[in-house]
Amino acid sequence: MEQSEGFKIHGQEQKVLCLCQAIYRLKQAALTWWKELLASMRKIGFEHSQSNAGIFIHKASNGDIIVTMIYVNDSSFMGNNATLVKEKKKAFMGIWECHDLGELNEFLGIIIRHSGCKIILDQKVYLTKVLDRFSMTNAITANTLLPHGYTSIAHTGNNPTLWTSTKL
């Protein structure tokens, strides 16, 4: 490592600064950020999922569950208890500098719409970009069928899940 341009000290060019925290674009930055995120999520009662490092789960003693998805600078809080979701989101925002974007309408390029008890996920904008990129906008379409024997199961819950998001 060399001294940064504009911060060189004449006669001490061989010396470098000791970093007290990670700087973006350094190899260690992502791991340092992850460790800080993990510690802060544990502090407010979340454990990370073993299957996906960006998913954190809080299980309350009364059975309520809050799930949080975090990817780079986007996060989403959802659960079956709106008051608890707001409480955990507020605790998260007290630790991290972020903005409350209210009800979730988009996450990682996926458009999210609510229609009654239904949640509709739409990636039309992303797929259009992919088709444009590979010059397949005018390609012939084909139906994609569900697997043989697939039957949908009706949602029997009373309360729709509350989804909200934050921007770091």
C-alpha atoms as a PDB file:
ATOM      1  CA  MET A   1       0.000   0.000   0.000  1.00  0.00           C
ATOM      2  CA  GLU A   2       1.185   3.513  -0.727  1.00  0.00           C
ATOM      3  CA  GLN A   3       0.224   6.846   0.743  1.00  0.00           C
ATOM      4  CA  SER A   4      -2.747   8.408  -0.994  1.00  0.00           C
ATOM      5  CA  GLU A   5      -2.255  11.269  -3.435  1.00  0.00           C
ATOM      6  CA  GLY A   6      -2.428  14.547  -1.540  1.00  0.00           C
ATOM      7  CA  PHE A   7      -1.577  12.893   1.779  1.00  0.00           C
ATOM      8  CA  LYS A   8       2.088  12.083   1.145  1.00  0.00           C
ATOM      9  CA  ILE A   9       4.443  13.253   3.869  1.00  0.00           C
ATOM     10  CA  HIS A  10       7.824  14.387   2.540  1.00  0.00           C
ATOM     11  CA  GLY A  11      10.615  12.231   3.907  1.00  0.00           C
ATOM     12  CA  GLN A  12       8.190   9.575   5.213  1.00  0.00           C
ATOM     13  CA  GLU A  13       7.008   8.077   1.911  1.00  0.00           C
ATOM     14  CA  GLN A  14       7.606   4.509   3.170  1.00  0.00           C
ATOM     15  CA  LYS A  15       5.043   4.917   5.973  1.00  0.00           C
ATOM     16  CA  VAL A  16       1.326   4.174   5.497  1.00  0.00           C
ATOM     17  CA  LEU A  17      -1.792   4.830   7.535  1.00  0.00           C
ATOM     18  CA  CYS A  18      -3.339   2.201   9.793  1.00  0.00           C
ATOM     19  CA  LEU A  19      -7.062   1.791   8.998  1.00  0.00           C
ATOM     20  CA  CYS A  20      -9.431   1.766  11.971  1.00  0.00           C
ATOM     21  CA  GLN A  21     -12.367   0.699   9.813  1.00  0.00           C
ATOM     22  CA  ALA A  22     -12.894  -0.786   6.364  1.00  0.00           C
ATOM     23  CA  ILE A  23     -12.878   1.398   3.278  1.00  0.00           C
ATOM     24  CA  TYR A  24     -15.081   0.539   0.305  1.00  0.00           C
ATOM     25  CA  ARG A  25     -13.349  -1.342  -2.509  1.00  0.00           C
ATOM     26  CA  LEU A  26     -10.804  -2.944  -0.193  1.00  0.00           C
ATOM     27  CA  LYS A  27     -10.963  -6.737  -0.071  1.00  0.00           C
ATOM     28  CA  GLN A  28     -11.773  -6.670   3.634  1.00  0.00           C
ATOM     29  CA  ALA A  29     -14.651  -4.179   3.358  1.00  0.00           C
ATOM     30  CA  ALA A  30     -17.386  -6.740   2.608  1.00  0.00           C
ATOM     31  CA  LEU A  31     -16.389  -9.053   5.447  1.00  0.00           C
ATOM     32  CA  THR A  32     -16.079  -6.163   7.908  1.00  0.00           C
ATOM     33  CA  TRP A  33     -19.530  -4.884   6.876  1.00  0.00           C
ATOM     34  CA  TRP A  34     -21.015  -8.389   7.216  1.00  0.00           C
ATOM     35  CA  LYS A  35     -19.579  -8.849  10.727  1.00  0.00           C
ATOM     36  CA  GLU A  36     -20.938  -5.468  11.809  1.00  0.00           C
ATOM     37  CA  LEU A  37     -24.374  -6.274  10.324  1.00  0.00           C
ATOM     38  CA  LEU A  38     -24.451  -9.697  11.993  1.00  0.00           C
ATOM     39  CA  ALA A  39     -23.538  -8.209  15.396  1.00  0.00           C
ATOM     40  CA  SER A  40     -26.171  -5.475  15.097  1.00  0.00           C
ATOM     41  CA  MET A  41     -28.904  -7.908  14.036  1.00  0.00           C
ATOM     42  CA  ARG A  42     -28.088 -10.216  16.960  1.00  0.00           C
ATOM     43  CA  LYS A  43     -28.216  -7.201  19.280  1.00  0.00           C
ATOM     44  CA  ILE A  44     -31.863  -6.566  18.302  1.00  0.00           C
ATOM     45  CA  GLY A  45     -32.836 -10.249  18.540  1.00  0.00           C
ATOM     46  CA  PHE A  46     -32.353 -11.662  15.039  1.00  0.00           C
ATOM     47  CA  GLU A  47     -30.457 -14.774  13.948  1.00  0.00           C
ATOM     48  CA  HIS A  48     -29.263 -15.229  10.384  1.00  0.00           C
ATOM     49  CA  SER A  49     -30.587 -18.030   8.220  1.00  0.00           C
ATOM     50  CA  GLN A  50     -28.188 -20.893   7.555  1.00  0.00           C
ATOM     51  CA  SER A  51     -29.431 -21.157   3.964  1.00  0.00           C
ATOM     52  CA  ASN A  52     -29.021 -17.478   3.034  1.00  0.00           C
ATOM     53  CA  ALA A  53     -26.691 -15.043   4.796  1.00  0.00           C
ATOM     54  CA  GLY A  54     -28.899 -12.065   3.870  1.00  0.00           C
ATOM     55  CA  ILE A  55     -31.986 -13.358   5.673  1.00  0.00           C
ATOM     56  CA  PHE A  56     -32.460 -12.751   9.391  1.00  0.00           C
ATOM     57  CA  ILE A  57     -35.264 -14.195  11.524  1.00  0.00           C
ATOM     58  CA  HIS A  58     -36.674 -13.028  14.862  1.00  0.00           C
ATOM     59  CA  LYS A  59     -38.936 -15.444  16.721  1.00  0.00           C
ATOM     60  CA  ALA A  60     -40.876 -13.810  19.540  1.00  0.00           C
ATOM     61  CA  SER A  61     -41.864 -15.778  22.638  1.00  0.00           C
ATOM     62  CA  ASN A  62     -45.558 -15.513  21.667  1.00  0.00           C
ATOM     63  CA  GLY A  63     -44.911 -17.203  18.287  1.00  0.00           C
ATOM     64  CA  ASP A  64     -44.744 -14.076  16.129  1.00  0.00           C
ATOM     65  CA  ILE A  65     -42.054 -14.177  13.442  1.00  0.00           C
ATOM     66  CA  ILE A  66     -40.248 -11.278  11.763  1.00  0.00           C
ATOM     67  CA  VAL A  67     -38.153 -11.960   8.657  1.00  0.00           C
ATOM     68  CA  THR A  68     -35.665  -9.417   7.369  1.00  0.00           C
ATOM     69  CA  MET A  69     -33.936  -9.579   3.986  1.00  0.00           C
ATOM     70  CA  ILE A  70     -30.799  -7.481   3.542  1.00  0.00           C
ATOM     71  CA  TYR A  71     -28.840  -7.123   0.331  1.00  0.00           C
ATOM     72  CA  VAL A  72     -26.111  -4.460   0.104  1.00  0.00           C
ATOM     73  CA  ASN A  73     -28.053  -1.262   0.889  1.00  0.00           C
ATOM     74  CA  ASP A  74     -31.611  -2.598   0.657  1.00  0.00           C
ATOM     75  CA  SER A  75     -33.524  -4.204   3.491  1.00  0.00           C
ATOM     76  CA  SER A  76     -37.057  -5.435   3.934  1.00  0.00           C
ATOM     77  CA  PHE A  77     -38.908  -6.280   7.147  1.00  0.00           C
ATOM     78  CA  MET A  78     -41.983  -8.521   7.140  1.00  0.00           C
ATOM     79  CA  GLY A  79     -43.967 -10.470   9.682  1.00  0.00           C
ATOM     80  CA  ASN A  80     -47.321 -11.416  11.087  1.00  0.00           C
ATOM     81  CA  ASN A  81     -47.380  -8.706  13.793  1.00  0.00           C
ATOM     82  CA  ALA A  82     -47.308  -5.147  12.409  1.00  0.00           C
ATOM     83  CA  THR A  83     -46.422  -3.613  15.790  1.00  0.00           C
ATOM     84  CA  LEU A  84     -43.445  -5.928  16.263  1.00  0.00           C
ATOM     85  CA  VAL A  85     -42.297  -5.319  12.662  1.00  0.00           C
ATOM     86  CA  LYS A  86     -42.311  -1.558  13.295  1.00  0.00           C
ATOM     87  CA  GLU A  87     -40.504  -2.004  16.619  1.00  0.00           C
ATOM     88  CA  LYS A  88     -37.703  -4.132  15.109  1.00  0.00           C
ATOM     89  CA  LYS A  89     -37.415  -1.820  12.111  1.00  0.00           C
ATOM     90  CA  LYS A  90     -37.082   1.180  14.437  1.00  0.00           C
ATOM     91  CA  ALA A  91     -34.354  -0.630  16.407  1.00  0.00           C
ATOM     92  CA  PHE A  92     -32.525  -1.396  13.139  1.00  0.00           C
ATOM     93  CA  MET A  93     -32.807   2.230  12.027  1.00  0.00           C
ATOM     94  CA  GLY A  94     -31.400   3.324  15.395  1.00  0.00           C
ATOM     95  CA  ILE A  95     -28.209   1.395  14.642  1.00  0.00           C
ATOM     96  CA  TRP A  96     -27.855   1.956  10.893  1.00  0.00           C
ATOM     97  CA  GLU A  97     -28.256   5.254   9.050  1.00  0.00           C
ATOM     98  CA  CYS A  98     -31.146   4.561   6.698  1.00  0.00           C
ATOM     99  CA  HIS A  99     -34.442   5.875   5.349  1.00  0.00           C
ATOM    100  CA  ASP A 100     -37.857   4.319   5.913  1.00  0.00           C
ATOM    101  CA  LEU A 101     -39.497   3.818   2.521  1.00  0.00           C
ATOM    102  CA  GLY A 102     -42.805   2.576   3.934  1.00  0.00           C
ATOM    103  CA  GLU A 103     -44.687  -0.336   2.448  1.00  0.00           C
ATOM    104  CA  LEU A 104     -42.592  -2.493   0.132  1.00  0.00           C
ATOM    105  CA  ASN A 105     -43.275  -1.860  -3.567  1.00  0.00           C
ATOM    106  CA  GLU A 106     -39.950  -2.973  -5.056  1.00  0.00           C
ATOM    107  CA  PHE A 107     -37.044  -5.087  -3.825  1.00  0.00           C
ATOM    108  CA  LEU A 108     -33.961  -5.957  -5.887  1.00  0.00           C
ATOM    109  CA  GLY A 109     -35.742  -5.122  -9.128  1.00  0.00           C
ATOM    110  CA  ILE A 110     -38.824  -7.181  -8.284  1.00  0.00           C
ATOM    111  CA  ILE A 111     -42.061  -5.176  -8.356  1.00  0.00           C
ATOM    112  CA  ILE A 112     -44.343  -6.140  -5.453  1.00  0.00           C
ATOM    113  CA  ARG A 113     -48.074  -5.462  -5.589  1.00  0.00           C
ATOM    114  CA  HIS A 114     -50.722  -6.236  -3.005  1.00  0.00           C
ATOM    115  CA  SER A 115     -54.217  -7.261  -4.077  1.00  0.00           C
ATOM    116  CA  GLY A 116     -56.362  -8.229  -1.104  1.00  0.00           C
ATOM    117  CA  CYS A 117     -54.591 -11.175   0.523  1.00  0.00           C
ATOM    118  CA  LYS A 118     -52.521 -11.816  -2.608  1.00  0.00           C
ATOM    119  CA  ILE A 119     -48.934 -10.697  -3.076  1.00  0.00           C
ATOM    120  CA  ILE A 120     -47.923 -10.420  -6.734  1.00  0.00           C
ATOM    121  CA  LEU A 121     -44.232 -10.467  -7.695  1.00  0.00           C
ATOM    122  CA  ASP A 122     -43.364  -9.043 -11.123  1.00  0.00           C
ATOM    123  CA  GLN A 123     -39.988  -9.006 -12.881  1.00  0.00           C
ATOM    124  CA  LYS A 124     -41.252  -7.653 -16.204  1.00  0.00           C
ATOM    125  CA  VAL A 125     -38.853  -4.646 -16.215  1.00  0.00           C
ATOM    126  CA  TYR A 126     -35.838  -6.899 -15.519  1.00  0.00           C
ATOM    127  CA  LEU A 127     -36.885  -9.462 -18.125  1.00  0.00           C
ATOM    128  CA  THR A 128     -37.411  -6.735 -20.725  1.00  0.00           C
ATOM    129  CA  LYS A 129     -33.849  -5.509 -20.081  1.00  0.00           C
ATOM    130  CA  VAL A 130     -32.501  -9.061 -20.498  1.00  0.00           C
ATOM    131  CA  LEU A 131     -34.413  -9.509 -23.761  1.00  0.00           C
ATOM    132  CA  ASP A 132     -33.114  -6.151 -25.042  1.00  0.00           C
ATOM    133  CA  ARG A 133     -29.548  -7.035 -24.058  1.00  0.00           C
ATOM    134  CA  PHE A 134     -29.634 -10.253 -26.087  1.00  0.00           C
ATOM    135  CA  SER A 135     -31.675  -8.779 -28.976  1.00  0.00           C
ATOM    136  CA  MET A 136     -34.615 -11.091 -28.295  1.00  0.00           C
ATOM    137  CA  THR A 137     -37.353  -8.487 -27.907  1.00  0.00           C
ATOM    138  CA  ASN A 138     -39.188  -9.855 -30.960  1.00  0.00           C
ATOM    139  CA  ALA A 139     -38.623 -13.536 -30.136  1.00  0.00           C
ATOM    140  CA  ILE A 140     -41.530 -15.956 -30.403  1.00  0.00           C
ATOM    141  CA  THR A 141     -43.103 -16.625 -27.007  1.00  0.00           C
ATOM    142  CA  ALA A 142     -43.958 -20.033 -25.563  1.00  0.00           C
ATOM    143  CA  ASN A 143     -46.164 -20.998 -22.637  1.00  0.00           C
ATOM    144  CA  THR A 144     -44.390 -22.372 -19.580  1.00  0.00           C
ATOM    145  CA  LEU A 145     -46.491 -24.940 -17.802  1.00  0.00           C
ATOM    146  CA  LEU A 146     -46.481 -25.800 -14.112  1.00  0.00           C
ATOM    147  CA  PRO A 147     -45.199 -29.255 -13.167  1.00  0.00           C
ATOM    148  CA  HIS A 148     -47.596 -32.170 -13.712  1.00  0.00           C
ATOM    149  CA  GLY A 149     -49.857 -32.675 -10.681  1.00  0.00           C
ATOM    150  CA  TYR A 150     -49.298 -29.177  -9.223  1.00  0.00           C
ATOM    151  CA  THR A 151     -52.178 -27.953  -7.089  1.00  0.00           C
ATOM    152  CA  SER A 152     -52.186 -24.594  -5.366  1.00  0.00           C
ATOM    153  CA  ILE A 153     -53.041 -24.296  -1.688  1.00  0.00           C
ATOM    154  CA  ALA A 154     -55.352 -21.490  -0.579  1.00  0.00           C
ATOM    155  CA  HIS A 155     -54.093 -19.059   2.079  1.00  0.00           C
ATOM    156  CA  THR A 156     -56.161 -19.573   5.230  1.00  0.00           C
ATOM    157  CA  GLY A 157     -54.714 -16.787   7.402  1.00  0.00           C
ATOM    158  CA  ASN A 158     -56.769 -13.791   8.468  1.00  0.00           C
ATOM    159  CA  ASN A 159     -54.123 -11.066   8.433  1.00  0.00           C
ATOM    160  CA  PRO A 160     -52.071 -10.265   5.346  1.00  0.00           C
ATOM    161  CA  THR A 161     -48.334 -10.094   6.013  1.00  0.00           C
ATOM    162  CA  LEU A 162     -46.930  -6.588   6.525  1.00  0.00           C
ATOM    163  CA  TRP A 163     -43.925  -5.842   4.316  1.00  0.00           C
ATOM    164  CA  THR A 164     -41.894  -2.693   4.726  1.00  0.00           C
ATOM    165  CA  SER A 165     -38.493  -1.607   3.477  1.00  0.00           C
ATOM    166  CA  THR A 166     -35.544   0.597   4.368  1.00  0.00           C
ATOM    167  CA  LYS A 167     -32.711   2.090   2.348  1.00  0.00           C
ATOM    168  CA  LEU A 168     -29.276   2.156   3.974  1.00  0.00           C
END
